[in-house]
C-alpha atoms as a PDB file:
ATOM      1  CA  UNK A   1      -8.982  26.156  64.161  1.00  0.00           C
ATOM      2  CA  UNK A   2      -5.300  25.861  64.218  1.00  0.00           C
ATOM      3  CA  UNK A   3      -5.729  22.962  66.945  1.00  0.00           C
ATOM      4  CA  UNK A   4      -8.001  21.127  64.212  1.00  0.00           C
ATOM      5  CA  UNK A   5      -5.192  21.461  61.541  1.00  0.00           C
ATOM      6  CA  UNK A   6      -2.741  20.168  63.971  1.00  0.00           C
ATOM      7  CA  UNK A   7      -5.082  17.001  64.683  1.00  0.00           C
ATOM      8  CA  UNK A   8      -5.868  16.676  60.678  1.00  0.00           C
ATOM      9  CA  UNK A   9      -1.891  16.666  60.144  1.00  0.00           C
ATOM     10  CA  UNK A  10      -1.361  14.097  62.757  1.00  0.00           C
ATOM     11  CA  UNK A  11      -4.212  11.737  61.486  1.00  0.00           C
ATOM     12  CA  UNK A  12      -3.127  12.215  58.030  1.00  0.00           C
ATOM     13  CA  UNK A  13       0.599  11.259  58.613  1.00  0.00           C
ATOM     14  CA  UNK A  14      -0.366   8.312  60.802  1.00  0.00           C
ATOM     15  CA  UNK A  15      -2.820   6.772  58.164  1.00  0.00           C
ATOM     16  CA  UNK A  16      -0.047   7.338  55.436  1.00  0.00           C
ATOM     17  CA  UNK A  17       2.630   5.173  57.756  1.00  0.00           C
ATOM     18  CA  UNK A  18       0.106   2.497  57.859  1.00  0.00           C
ATOM     19  CA  UNK A  19      -0.514   2.214  54.078  1.00  0.00           C
ATOM     20  CA  UNK A  20       0.628  -1.135  52.659  1.00  0.00           C
ATOM     21  CA  UNK A  21       0.306  -0.880  48.878  1.00  0.00           C
ATOM     22  CA  UNK A  22      -0.036   1.405  45.968  1.00  0.00           C
ATOM     23  CA  UNK A  23      -4.032   1.044  46.013  1.00  0.00           C
ATOM     24  CA  UNK A  24      -4.125   2.073  49.491  1.00  0.00           C
ATOM     25  CA  UNK A  25      -1.786   4.895  48.844  1.00  0.00           C
ATOM     26  CA  UNK A  26      -4.033   6.233  45.880  1.00  0.00           C
ATOM     27  CA  UNK A  27      -6.943   5.958  48.505  1.00  0.00           C
ATOM     28  CA  UNK A  28      -5.011   8.258  51.056  1.00  0.00           C
ATOM     29  CA  UNK A  29      -4.259  10.605  48.414  1.00  0.00           C
ATOM     30  CA  UNK A  30      -7.817  10.949  47.343  1.00  0.00           C
ATOM     31  CA  UNK A  31      -9.247  11.385  50.933  1.00  0.00           C
ATOM     32  CA  UNK A  32      -6.644  14.070  51.921  1.00  0.00           C
ATOM     33  CA  UNK A  33      -5.152  15.814  48.697  1.00  0.00           C
ATOM     34  CA  UNK A  34      -7.968  15.257  46.324  1.00  0.00           C
ATOM     35  CA  UNK A  35     -10.657  17.836  44.927  1.00  0.00           C
ATOM     36  CA  UNK A  36     -13.077  16.800  47.642  1.00  0.00           C
ATOM     37  CA  UNK A  37     -10.420  15.692  50.202  1.00  0.00           C
ATOM     38  CA  UNK A  38      -9.917  17.069  53.763  1.00  0.00           C
ATOM     39  CA  UNK A  39      -7.126  19.789  52.919  1.00  0.00           C
ATOM     40  CA  UNK A  40      -9.898  21.471  50.306  1.00  0.00           C
ATOM     41  CA  UNK A  41     -12.546  21.212  52.932  1.00  0.00           C
ATOM     42  CA  UNK A  42     -10.363  22.955  55.633  1.00  0.00           C
ATOM     43  CA  UNK A  43      -9.461  25.717  52.919  1.00  0.00           C
ATOM     44  CA  UNK A  44     -13.440  26.217  52.566  1.00  0.00           C
ATOM     45  CA  UNK A  45     -13.617  26.905  56.382  1.00  0.00           C
ATOM     46  CA  UNK A  46     -11.259  30.035  56.069  1.00  0.00           C
ATOM     47  CA  UNK A  47     -14.506  32.170  56.061  1.00  0.00           C
ATOM     48  CA  UNK A  48     -15.166  31.140  59.450  1.00  0.00           C
ATOM     49  CA  UNK A  49     -11.991  32.634  60.838  1.00  0.00           C
ATOM     50  CA  UNK A  50     -11.646  36.127  61.787  1.00  0.00           C
ATOM     51  CA  UNK A  51     -10.645  38.341  59.067  1.00  0.00           C
ATOM     52  CA  UNK A  52      -7.427  39.430  61.158  1.00  0.00           C
ATOM     53  CA  UNK A  53      -6.390  35.822  61.459  1.00  0.00           C
ATOM     54  CA  UNK A  54      -7.152  34.671  58.178  1.00  0.00           C
ATOM     55  CA  UNK A  55      -3.717  35.286  56.525  1.00  0.00           C
ATOM     56  CA  UNK A  56      -2.107  32.942  59.481  1.00  0.00           C
ATOM     57  CA  UNK A  57      -4.617  30.394  58.893  1.00  0.00           C
ATOM     58  CA  UNK A  58      -4.278  30.448  55.107  1.00  0.00           C
ATOM     59  CA  UNK A  59      -0.486  30.057  55.589  1.00  0.00           C
ATOM     60  CA  UNK A  60      -1.004  27.354  58.032  1.00  0.00           C
ATOM     61  CA  UNK A  61      -3.246  25.258  55.518  1.00  0.00           C
ATOM     62  CA  UNK A  62      -0.851  25.828  52.631  1.00  0.00           C
ATOM     63  CA  UNK A  63       2.118  24.485  54.724  1.00  0.00           C
ATOM     64  CA  UNK A  64       0.106  21.428  55.838  1.00  0.00           C
ATOM     65  CA  UNK A  65      -0.661  20.877  52.092  1.00  0.00           C
ATOM     66  CA  UNK A  66       2.921  20.985  51.128  1.00  0.00           C
ATOM     67  CA  UNK A  67       3.887  18.808  54.365  1.00  0.00           C
ATOM     68  CA  UNK A  68       1.386  15.968  53.105  1.00  0.00           C
ATOM     69  CA  UNK A  69       2.371  16.308  49.408  1.00  0.00           C
ATOM     70  CA  UNK A  70       5.978  15.869  50.421  1.00  0.00           C
ATOM     71  CA  UNK A  71       5.035  13.038  52.621  1.00  0.00           C
ATOM     72  CA  UNK A  72       2.976  11.219  49.994  1.00  0.00           C
ATOM     73  CA  UNK A  73       5.995  11.445  47.383  1.00  0.00           C
ATOM     74  CA  UNK A  74       8.235  10.055  49.822  1.00  0.00           C
ATOM     75  CA  UNK A  75       5.856   7.250  50.536  1.00  0.00           C
ATOM     76  CA  UNK A  76       5.379   6.744  46.952  1.00  0.00           C
ATOM     77  CA  UNK A  77       9.114   6.372  46.269  1.00  0.00           C
ATOM     78  CA  UNK A  78       9.015   3.407  48.751  1.00  0.00           C
ATOM     79  CA  UNK A  79       6.784   1.632  46.507  1.00  0.00           C
ATOM     80  CA  UNK A  80       9.002   1.979  43.387  1.00  0.00           C
ATOM     81  CA  UNK A  81       7.747   5.241  42.149  1.00  0.00           C
ATOM     82  CA  UNK A  82       4.922   3.411  40.635  1.00  0.00           C
ATOM     83  CA  UNK A  83       1.892   5.682  39.492  1.00  0.00           C
ATOM     84  CA  UNK A  84      -0.437   6.497  42.116  1.00  0.00           C
ATOM     85  CA  UNK A  85      -3.572   6.242  39.695  1.00  0.00           C
ATOM     86  CA  UNK A  86      -2.989   2.333  39.217  1.00  0.00           C
ATOM     87  CA  UNK A  87      -6.265   0.814  39.457  1.00  0.00           C
ATOM     88  CA  UNK A  88      -6.965  -2.168  41.677  1.00  0.00           C
ATOM     89  CA  UNK A  89      -6.968  -5.530  40.037  1.00  0.00           C
ATOM     90  CA  UNK A  90      -4.458  -7.798  38.524  1.00  0.00           C
ATOM     91  CA  UNK A  91      -1.254  -6.490  36.659  1.00  0.00           C
ATOM     92  CA  UNK A  92      -1.669  -5.870  33.065  1.00  0.00           C
ATOM     93  CA  UNK A  93      -0.393  -8.576  30.691  1.00  0.00           C
ATOM     94  CA  UNK A  94       2.153  -6.514  28.347  1.00  0.00           C
ATOM     95  CA  UNK A  95       2.167  -9.497  26.015  1.00  0.00           C
ATOM     96  CA  UNK A  96      -1.384  -9.160  24.942  1.00  0.00           C
ATOM     97  CA  UNK A  97      -1.958  -7.595  21.308  1.00  0.00           C
ATOM     98  CA  UNK A  98      -2.879  -3.974  21.334  1.00  0.00           C
ATOM     99  CA  UNK A  99      -6.305  -2.844  20.956  1.00  0.00           C
ATOM    100  CA  UNK A 100      -7.737  -1.910  17.502  1.00  0.00           C
ATOM    101  CA  UNK A 101      -9.126   1.480  18.146  1.00  0.00           C
ATOM    102  CA  UNK A 102     -10.407   1.976  14.521  1.00  0.00           C
ATOM    103  CA  UNK A 103     -12.910  -0.062  13.182  1.00  0.00           C
ATOM    104  CA  UNK A 104     -11.706   0.553   9.696  1.00  0.00           C
ATOM    105  CA  UNK A 105      -9.009  -1.731   8.619  1.00  0.00           C
ATOM    106  CA  UNK A 106      -6.871  -0.813   5.562  1.00  0.00           C
ATOM    107  CA  UNK A 107      -6.331  -3.076   2.425  1.00  0.00           C
ATOM    108  CA  UNK A 108      -3.954  -3.105  -0.420  1.00  0.00           C
ATOM    109  CA  UNK A 109      -5.170  -1.200  -3.469  1.00  0.00           C
ATOM    110  CA  UNK A 110      -7.068  -3.136  -6.153  1.00  0.00           C
ATOM    111  CA  UNK A 111      -4.421  -2.587  -8.703  1.00  0.00           C
ATOM    112  CA  UNK A 112      -1.775  -4.225  -6.338  1.00  0.00           C
ATOM    113  CA  UNK A 113      -3.831  -7.099  -5.513  1.00  0.00           C
ATOM    114  CA  UNK A 114      -4.811  -7.634  -9.307  1.00  0.00           C
ATOM    115  CA  UNK A 115      -1.101  -7.662 -10.109  1.00  0.00           C
ATOM    116  CA  UNK A 116      -0.047 -10.197  -7.451  1.00  0.00           C
ATOM    117  CA  UNK A 117      -3.195 -12.285  -8.632  1.00  0.00           C
ATOM    118  CA  UNK A 118      -2.030 -12.138 -12.230  1.00  0.00           C
ATOM    119  CA  UNK A 119       1.690 -13.172 -11.451  1.00  0.00           C
ATOM    120  CA  UNK A 120       0.229 -15.992  -9.397  1.00  0.00           C
ATOM    121  CA  UNK A 121      -1.912 -17.335 -12.185  1.00  0.00           C
ATOM    122  CA  UNK A 122       0.990 -17.120 -14.576  1.00  0.00           C
ATOM    123  CA  UNK A 123       3.402 -18.511 -11.911  1.00  0.00           C
ATOM    124  CA  UNK A 124       1.023 -21.699 -12.060  1.00  0.00           C
ATOM    125  CA  UNK A 125       1.975 -22.068 -15.705  1.00  0.00           C
ATOM    126  CA  UNK A 126       5.679 -21.667 -15.183  1.00  0.00           C
ATOM    127  CA  UNK A 127       6.202 -18.133 -15.574  1.00  0.00           C
ATOM    128  CA  UNK A 128       8.500 -16.161 -13.179  1.00  0.00           C
ATOM    129  CA  UNK A 129       8.208 -12.326 -12.422  1.00  0.00           C
ATOM    130  CA  UNK A 130      11.017 -10.156 -13.843  1.00  0.00           C
ATOM    131  CA  UNK A 131      11.260  -6.276 -13.361  1.00  0.00           C
ATOM    132  CA  UNK A 132      13.281  -3.604 -15.118  1.00  0.00           C
ATOM    133  CA  UNK A 133      13.750   0.399 -14.740  1.00  0.00           C
ATOM    134  CA  UNK A 134      10.861   2.644 -15.467  1.00  0.00           C
ATOM    135  CA  UNK A 135      13.441   5.230 -16.928  1.00  0.00           C
ATOM    136  CA  UNK A 136      14.556   3.851 -20.228  1.00  0.00           C
ATOM    137  CA  UNK A 137      16.413   4.674 -23.303  1.00  0.00           C
ATOM    138  CA  UNK A 138      15.478   4.613 -26.911  1.00  0.00           C
ATOM    139  CA  UNK A 139      17.487   1.445 -27.513  1.00  0.00           C
ATOM    140  CA  UNK A 140      15.482  -0.634 -25.237  1.00  0.00           C
ATOM    141  CA  UNK A 141      12.100   1.020 -25.863  1.00  0.00           C
ATOM    142  CA  UNK A 142      12.280   1.040 -29.484  1.00  0.00           C
ATOM    143  CA  UNK A 143      15.297   0.165 -31.507  1.00  0.00           C
ATOM    144  CA  UNK A 144      15.733  -3.658 -30.046  1.00  0.00           C
ATOM    145  CA  UNK A 145      11.903  -3.861 -30.428  1.00  0.00           C
ATOM    146  CA  UNK A 146      12.287  -3.579 -34.102  1.00  0.00           C
ATOM    147  CA  UNK A 147      10.539  -0.188 -34.116  1.00  0.00           C
ATOM    148  CA  UNK A 148      12.042   1.756 -37.021  1.00  0.00           C
ATOM    149  CA  UNK A 149      13.463   5.590 -36.580  1.00  0.00           C
ATOM    150  CA  UNK A 150      10.393   7.130 -38.142  1.00  0.00           C
ATOM    151  CA  UNK A 151       7.700   5.032 -36.726  1.00  0.00           C
ATOM    152  CA  UNK A 152       4.854   7.271 -35.288  1.00  0.00           C
ATOM    153  CA  UNK A 153       5.117   5.294 -32.099  1.00  0.00           C
ATOM    154  CA  UNK A 154       8.591   7.259 -31.601  1.00  0.00           C
ATOM    155  CA  UNK A 155       7.059  10.933 -32.104  1.00  0.00           C
ATOM    156  CA  UNK A 156       7.909  13.158 -29.077  1.00  0.00           C
ATOM    157  CA  UNK A 157       4.164  14.002 -28.738  1.00  0.00           C
ATOM    158  CA  UNK A 158       3.409  10.240 -27.892  1.00  0.00           C
ATOM    159  CA  UNK A 159       6.239   9.688 -25.415  1.00  0.00           C
ATOM    160  CA  UNK A 160       7.591  11.315 -22.121  1.00  0.00           C
ATOM    161  CA  UNK A 161      11.157  11.931 -23.312  1.00  0.00           C
ATOM    162  CA  UNK A 162      13.729  13.116 -20.570  1.00  0.00           C
ATOM    163  CA  UNK A 163      16.432  14.028 -23.149  1.00  0.00           C
ATOM    164  CA  UNK A 164      15.710  15.702 -26.391  1.00  0.00           C
ATOM    165  CA  UNK A 165      15.421  13.101 -28.884  1.00  0.00           C
ATOM    166  CA  UNK A 166      16.726  15.444 -31.777  1.00  0.00           C
ATOM    167  CA  UNK A 167      19.716  16.223 -30.016  1.00  0.00           C
ATOM    168  CA  UNK A 168      20.685  12.844 -28.205  1.00  0.00           C
ATOM    169  CA  UNK A 169      21.799   9.762 -30.060  1.00  0.00           C
ATOM    170  CA  UNK A 170      20.287   7.611 -27.184  1.00  0.00           C
ATOM    171  CA  UNK A 171      17.513   9.649 -25.496  1.00  0.00           C
ATOM    172  CA  UNK A 172      16.163   8.504 -22.112  1.00  0.00           C
ATOM    173  CA  UNK A 173      12.462   8.410 -21.375  1.00  0.00           C
ATOM    174  CA  UNK A 174       9.683   7.217 -19.263  1.00  0.00           C
ATOM    175  CA  UNK A 175       9.080   3.595 -20.972  1.00  0.00           C
ATOM    176  CA  UNK A 176       6.035   3.411 -22.833  1.00  0.00           C
ATOM    177  CA  UNK A 177       5.644  -0.168 -22.529  1.00  0.00           C
ATOM    178  CA  UNK A 178       6.933  -3.183 -20.108  1.00  0.00           C
ATOM    179  CA  UNK A 179       8.283  -4.826 -23.354  1.00  0.00           C
ATOM    180  CA  UNK A 180      11.737  -3.151 -22.292  1.00  0.00           C
ATOM    181  CA  UNK A 181      12.034  -5.743 -19.473  1.00  0.00           C
ATOM    182  CA  UNK A 182      11.805  -8.590 -22.062  1.00  0.00           C
ATOM    183  CA  UNK A 183      14.570  -7.217 -23.957  1.00  0.00           C
ATOM    184  CA  UNK A 184      16.626  -6.758 -20.741  1.00  0.00           C
ATOM    185  CA  UNK A 185      16.009 -10.346 -19.859  1.00  0.00           C
ATOM    186  CA  UNK A 186      16.874 -11.752 -23.614  1.00  0.00           C
ATOM    187  CA  UNK A 187      20.036  -9.906 -23.364  1.00  0.00           C
ATOM    188  CA  UNK A 188      21.343 -11.368 -20.117  1.00  0.00           C
ATOM    189  CA  UNK A 189      19.650 -14.696 -20.126  1.00  0.00           C
ATOM    190  CA  UNK A 190      20.149 -17.729 -22.411  1.00  0.00           C
ATOM    191  CA  UNK A 191      16.845 -19.640 -23.554  1.00  0.00           C
ATOM    192  CA  UNK A 192      14.345 -21.399 -22.547  1.00  0.00           C
ATOM    193  CA  UNK A 193      12.980 -18.187 -20.835  1.00  0.00           C
ATOM    194  CA  UNK A 194       9.404 -17.932 -19.486  1.00  0.00           C
ATOM    195  CA  UNK A 195       8.838 -14.704 -17.659  1.00  0.00           C
ATOM    196  CA  UNK A 196       6.076 -12.008 -16.682  1.00  0.00           C
ATOM    197  CA  UNK A 197       6.846  -8.541 -16.336  1.00  0.00           C
ATOM    198  CA  UNK A 198       4.377  -6.252 -14.513  1.00  0.00           C
ATOM    199  CA  UNK A 199       4.982  -2.687 -13.902  1.00  0.00           C
ATOM    200  CA  UNK A 200       4.094   1.167 -14.498  1.00  0.00           C
ATOM    201  CA  UNK A 201       4.283   2.366 -18.161  1.00  0.00           C
ATOM    202  CA  UNK A 202       3.692   6.096 -19.209  1.00  0.00           C
ATOM    203  CA  UNK A 203       2.158   7.553 -22.430  1.00  0.00           C
ATOM    204  CA  UNK A 204       0.812  11.100 -22.743  1.00  0.00           C
ATOM    205  CA  UNK A 205      -2.846  10.055 -23.594  1.00  0.00           C
ATOM    206  CA  UNK A 206      -5.798  11.983 -23.132  1.00  0.00           C
ATOM    207  CA  UNK A 207      -7.489  10.915 -19.864  1.00  0.00           C
ATOM    208  CA  UNK A 208     -10.939   9.345 -20.359  1.00  0.00           C
ATOM    209  CA  UNK A 209     -13.030   6.247 -19.007  1.00  0.00           C
ATOM    210  CA  UNK A 210     -10.476   3.977 -20.532  1.00  0.00           C
ATOM    211  CA  UNK A 211      -7.080   5.859 -20.974  1.00  0.00           C
ATOM    212  CA  UNK A 212      -4.625   7.356 -18.443  1.00  0.00           C
ATOM    213  CA  UNK A 213      -1.163   8.903 -18.839  1.00  0.00           C
ATOM    214  CA  UNK A 214       0.102   6.323 -16.390  1.00  0.00           C
ATOM    215  CA  UNK A 215      -1.064   3.155 -16.192  1.00  0.00           C
ATOM    216  CA  UNK A 216       0.136  -0.730 -15.441  1.00  0.00           C
ATOM    217  CA  UNK A 217       1.016  -3.347 -17.869  1.00  0.00           C
ATOM    218  CA  UNK A 218       1.915  -7.210 -17.364  1.00  0.00           C
ATOM    219  CA  UNK A 219       3.716  -8.512 -20.420  1.00  0.00           C
ATOM    220  CA  UNK A 220       4.984 -11.877 -20.783  1.00  0.00           C
ATOM    221  CA  UNK A 221       7.539 -13.656 -22.758  1.00  0.00           C
ATOM    222  CA  UNK A 222       8.177 -17.471 -23.588  1.00  0.00           C
ATOM    223  CA  UNK A 223      11.265 -18.338 -25.720  1.00  0.00           C
ATOM    224  CA  UNK A 224      12.032 -22.030 -26.349  1.00  0.00           C
ATOM    225  CA  UNK A 225      12.413 -24.628 -29.053  1.00  0.00           C
ATOM    226  CA  UNK A 226       9.544 -25.253 -31.479  1.00  0.00           C
ATOM    227  CA  UNK A 227       7.134 -22.736 -29.618  1.00  0.00           C
ATOM    228  CA  UNK A 228       4.264 -21.901 -31.894  1.00  0.00           C
ATOM    229  CA  UNK A 229       1.146 -19.700 -32.157  1.00  0.00           C
ATOM    230  CA  UNK A 230      -0.887 -22.742 -30.656  1.00  0.00           C
ATOM    231  CA  UNK A 231       1.254 -22.401 -27.488  1.00  0.00           C
ATOM    232  CA  UNK A 232       0.448 -18.724 -27.313  1.00  0.00           C
ATOM    233  CA  UNK A 233      -3.379 -19.097 -27.963  1.00  0.00           C
ATOM    234  CA  UNK A 234      -3.526 -21.989 -25.472  1.00  0.00           C
ATOM    235  CA  UNK A 235      -1.447 -19.862 -22.828  1.00  0.00           C
ATOM    236  CA  UNK A 236      -3.934 -17.125 -23.147  1.00  0.00           C
ATOM    237  CA  UNK A 237      -7.147 -18.916 -22.932  1.00  0.00           C
ATOM    238  CA  UNK A 238      -5.968 -20.935 -20.062  1.00  0.00           C
ATOM    239  CA  UNK A 239      -5.124 -17.412 -18.307  1.00  0.00           C
ATOM    240  CA  UNK A 240      -8.494 -16.119 -18.974  1.00  0.00           C
ATOM    241  CA  UNK A 241     -10.455 -19.005 -17.879  1.00  0.00           C
ATOM    242  CA  UNK A 242      -8.092 -19.467 -14.523  1.00  0.00           C
ATOM    243  CA  UNK A 243      -8.712 -15.826 -13.766  1.00  0.00           C
ATOM    244  CA  UNK A 244     -12.164 -14.812 -15.050  1.00  0.00           C
ATOM    245  CA  UNK A 245     -13.765 -18.166 -14.861  1.00  0.00           C
ATOM    246  CA  UNK A 246     -14.538 -21.091 -17.024  1.00  0.00           C
ATOM    247  CA  UNK A 247     -17.273 -19.186 -18.859  1.00  0.00           C
ATOM    248  CA  UNK A 248     -14.855 -16.372 -19.967  1.00  0.00           C
ATOM    249  CA  UNK A 249     -15.428 -15.553 -23.621  1.00  0.00           C
ATOM    250  CA  UNK A 250     -12.000 -14.440 -25.429  1.00  0.00           C
ATOM    251  CA  UNK A 251     -11.128 -14.135 -28.956  1.00  0.00           C
ATOM    252  CA  UNK A 252      -7.760 -13.362 -31.172  1.00  0.00           C
ATOM    253  CA  UNK A 253      -7.939 -10.729 -33.996  1.00  0.00           C
ATOM    254  CA  UNK A 254      -5.254 -10.443 -36.430  1.00  0.00           C
ATOM    255  CA  UNK A 255      -3.165  -7.164 -35.908  1.00  0.00           C
ATOM    256  CA  UNK A 256       0.297  -5.805 -36.491  1.00  0.00           C
ATOM    257  CA  UNK A 257       3.167  -4.984 -34.144  1.00  0.00           C
ATOM    258  CA  UNK A 258       6.739  -4.340 -35.204  1.00  0.00           C
ATOM    259  CA  UNK A 259       8.173  -6.783 -32.715  1.00  0.00           C
ATOM    260  CA  UNK A 260       5.927  -9.676 -33.344  1.00  0.00           C
ATOM    261  CA  UNK A 261       5.085 -11.727 -36.514  1.00  0.00           C
ATOM    262  CA  UNK A 262       2.334 -12.901 -36.700  1.00  0.00           C
ATOM    263  CA  UNK A 263       0.489 -10.400 -34.304  1.00  0.00           C
ATOM    264  CA  UNK A 264      -2.993 -10.210 -32.707  1.00  0.00           C
ATOM    265  CA  UNK A 265      -5.126  -8.470 -30.584  1.00  0.00           C
ATOM    266  CA  UNK A 266      -6.525 -10.207 -27.205  1.00  0.00           C
ATOM    267  CA  UNK A 267     -10.152  -9.351 -26.525  1.00  0.00           C
ATOM    268  CA  UNK A 268     -12.532 -10.538 -24.031  1.00  0.00           C
ATOM    269  CA  UNK A 269     -16.340 -10.083 -23.514  1.00  0.00           C
ATOM    270  CA  UNK A 270     -16.838  -7.853 -20.371  1.00  0.00           C
ATOM    271  CA  UNK A 271     -19.664  -6.311 -18.359  1.00  0.00           C
ATOM    272  CA  UNK A 272     -18.531  -2.920 -16.985  1.00  0.00           C
ATOM    273  CA  UNK A 273     -22.083  -2.307 -15.446  1.00  0.00           C
ATOM    274  CA  UNK A 274     -24.570  -4.625 -13.910  1.00  0.00           C
ATOM    275  CA  UNK A 275     -27.501  -2.921 -16.069  1.00  0.00           C
ATOM    276  CA  UNK A 276     -25.447  -3.238 -19.294  1.00  0.00           C
ATOM    277  CA  UNK A 277     -24.750  -6.040 -21.571  1.00  0.00           C
ATOM    278  CA  UNK A 278     -21.235  -7.827 -22.051  1.00  0.00           C
ATOM    279  CA  UNK A 279     -19.124  -6.119 -24.727  1.00  0.00           C
ATOM    280  CA  UNK A 280     -16.105  -6.919 -26.349  1.00  0.00           C
ATOM    281  CA  UNK A 281     -12.983  -5.092 -24.724  1.00  0.00           C
ATOM    282  CA  UNK A 282      -9.421  -5.220 -25.984  1.00  0.00           C
ATOM    283  CA  UNK A 283      -7.041  -6.360 -23.172  1.00  0.00           C
ATOM    284  CA  UNK A 284      -3.953  -6.104 -25.129  1.00  0.00           C
ATOM    285  CA  UNK A 285      -1.716  -7.463 -27.985  1.00  0.00           C
ATOM    286  CA  UNK A 286       0.245 -10.459 -28.457  1.00  0.00           C
ATOM    287  CA  UNK A 287       2.247 -12.512 -31.313  1.00  0.00           C
ATOM    288  CA  UNK A 288       5.233 -14.350 -32.084  1.00  0.00           C
ATOM    289  CA  UNK A 289       8.351 -12.643 -31.260  1.00  0.00           C
ATOM    290  CA  UNK A 290       9.791 -11.345 -34.417  1.00  0.00           C
ATOM    291  CA  UNK A 291      13.191 -12.855 -35.695  1.00  0.00           C
ATOM    292  CA  UNK A 292      15.018  -9.447 -35.753  1.00  0.00           C
ATOM    293  CA  UNK A 293      14.261  -9.054 -32.064  1.00  0.00           C
ATOM    294  CA  UNK A 294      15.535 -12.449 -31.175  1.00  0.00           C
ATOM    295  CA  UNK A 295      18.691 -11.604 -33.292  1.00  0.00           C
ATOM    296  CA  UNK A 296      19.137  -8.210 -31.678  1.00  0.00           C
ATOM    297  CA  UNK A 297      19.452  -9.792 -28.241  1.00  0.00           C
ATOM    298  CA  UNK A 298      21.857 -12.553 -29.290  1.00  0.00           C
ATOM    299  CA  UNK A 299      19.178 -15.468 -29.802  1.00  0.00           C
ATOM    300  CA  UNK A 300      19.302 -17.700 -32.910  1.00  0.00           C
ATOM    301  CA  UNK A 301      15.951 -17.347 -34.521  1.00  0.00           C
ATOM    302  CA  UNK A 302      16.751 -20.847 -36.420  1.00  0.00           C
ATOM    303  CA  UNK A 303      17.141 -22.543 -33.139  1.00  0.00           C
ATOM    304  CA  UNK A 304      14.644 -20.857 -30.865  1.00  0.00           C
ATOM    305  CA  UNK A 305      11.076 -19.369 -31.385  1.00  0.00           C
ATOM    306  CA  UNK A 306       8.792 -17.804 -28.805  1.00  0.00           C
ATOM    307  CA  UNK A 307       5.698 -15.769 -28.310  1.00  0.00           C
ATOM    308  CA  UNK A 308       5.080 -12.412 -26.432  1.00  0.00           C
ATOM    309  CA  UNK A 309       1.829 -10.865 -25.090  1.00  0.00           C
ATOM    310  CA  UNK A 310       0.967  -7.638 -23.049  1.00  0.00           C
ATOM    311  CA  UNK A 311      -2.181  -6.704 -21.130  1.00  0.00           C
ATOM    312  CA  UNK A 312      -3.243  -3.524 -19.384  1.00  0.00           C
ATOM    313  CA  UNK A 313      -3.616  -4.488 -15.707  1.00  0.00           C
ATOM    314  CA  UNK A 314      -6.468  -1.642 -15.277  1.00  0.00           C
ATOM    315  CA  UNK A 315      -8.298  -3.304 -18.088  1.00  0.00           C
ATOM    316  CA  UNK A 316      -8.203  -6.618 -16.310  1.00  0.00           C
ATOM    317  CA  UNK A 317      -9.264  -4.939 -13.069  1.00  0.00           C
ATOM    318  CA  UNK A 318     -12.173  -3.206 -14.502  1.00  0.00           C
ATOM    319  CA  UNK A 319     -13.134  -6.735 -16.357  1.00  0.00           C
ATOM    320  CA  UNK A 320     -12.964  -8.615 -13.242  1.00  0.00           C
ATOM    321  CA  UNK A 321     -14.642  -6.044 -10.669  1.00  0.00           C
ATOM    322  CA  UNK A 322     -16.980  -4.313 -13.203  1.00  0.00           C
ATOM    323  CA  UNK A 323     -15.322  -0.944 -13.036  1.00  0.00           C
ATOM    324  CA  UNK A 324     -16.787   1.281 -15.584  1.00  0.00           C
ATOM    325  CA  UNK A 325     -14.129   4.151 -15.412  1.00  0.00           C
ATOM    326  CA  UNK A 326     -10.305   3.715 -15.137  1.00  0.00           C
ATOM    327  CA  UNK A 327     -10.114   7.141 -13.281  1.00  0.00           C
ATOM    328  CA  UNK A 328     -12.115   5.641 -10.320  1.00  0.00           C
ATOM    329  CA  UNK A 329      -8.846   3.483  -9.638  1.00  0.00           C
ATOM    330  CA  UNK A 330      -6.671   6.550  -9.012  1.00  0.00           C
ATOM    331  CA  UNK A 331      -9.041   9.234  -7.470  1.00  0.00           C
ATOM    332  CA  UNK A 332      -8.426   7.561  -3.914  1.00  0.00           C
ATOM    333  CA  UNK A 333     -12.201   7.642  -2.926  1.00  0.00           C
ATOM    334  CA  UNK A 334     -12.125   5.664   0.261  1.00  0.00           C
ATOM    335  CA  UNK A 335     -16.091   4.843  -0.484  1.00  0.00           C
ATOM    336  CA  UNK A 336     -15.016   3.340  -3.732  1.00  0.00           C
ATOM    337  CA  UNK A 337     -12.028   1.617  -2.752  1.00  0.00           C
ATOM    338  CA  UNK A 338     -13.663  -0.030   0.396  1.00  0.00           C
ATOM    339  CA  UNK A 339     -16.000  -1.917  -1.948  1.00  0.00           C
ATOM    340  CA  UNK A 340     -13.161  -3.919  -3.761  1.00  0.00           C
END
């Protein structure tokens, strides 16, 4: 039996010396050192050896296995240390794109897409995009928007104040409207101005199918010479038909806002469910910029006029994609999001 092991060692080393490539080296390893190789078969033959000789025979097989392992590693090093498990065939092209292991491809959230779509529509009408801080102060959120000190909109129960409004002369707060961006733009730029300001706003509303304590707005501002209510109406009607289609039904209803005069509500007929009829839904407010707002920002209301408008982005998304409940936009249910 020992002679057989010597013959096995001689044959293995001779074949290993004749290997010419990494593929041949892997074949040699499988033949001699693999799970079904010749060394494993020799180990199985130990039961045919006399009991007294088995320790010496086992030690000889272990030594042979170690010898062949060392010879294999030395031979592999001669091939540059390449992995012995490289399959036969042409070398892989490392410049090819990686495989897509998942069949599910992510997408941007519907709110993000609608926001970008709205900015793109208004960009075609000459509006640029402006942004401002979400942590605002009382002056930009209320004072310069012509909202008086005791107006109900300034109640602590209707806002997320960071500072106590009863103890701070200029309390900070999470902005309740993106009109604050309009104020900041008018403070730092001279007319003519034509901007839209998308962003998150915060109000402690009770969450239901059409309200949330955090939502998104997009507000627009146009300041120029001779701007009139007719320009506002034309802009809003062009927007509605560009975004929702030529058959979009829209209307303006008289309203009141401290920062615009005259003011109006902008409504559109929307079908939230396929099995329900269309109904009028308020999308936002609009109007001519109040002269006091222009004066507060250093703009002469005798020389310049302007209009402003503001929409809820969630409301627009619900109208465009027939979403019946605003909460569906924030629940992160993949089954719902994958449909949009």
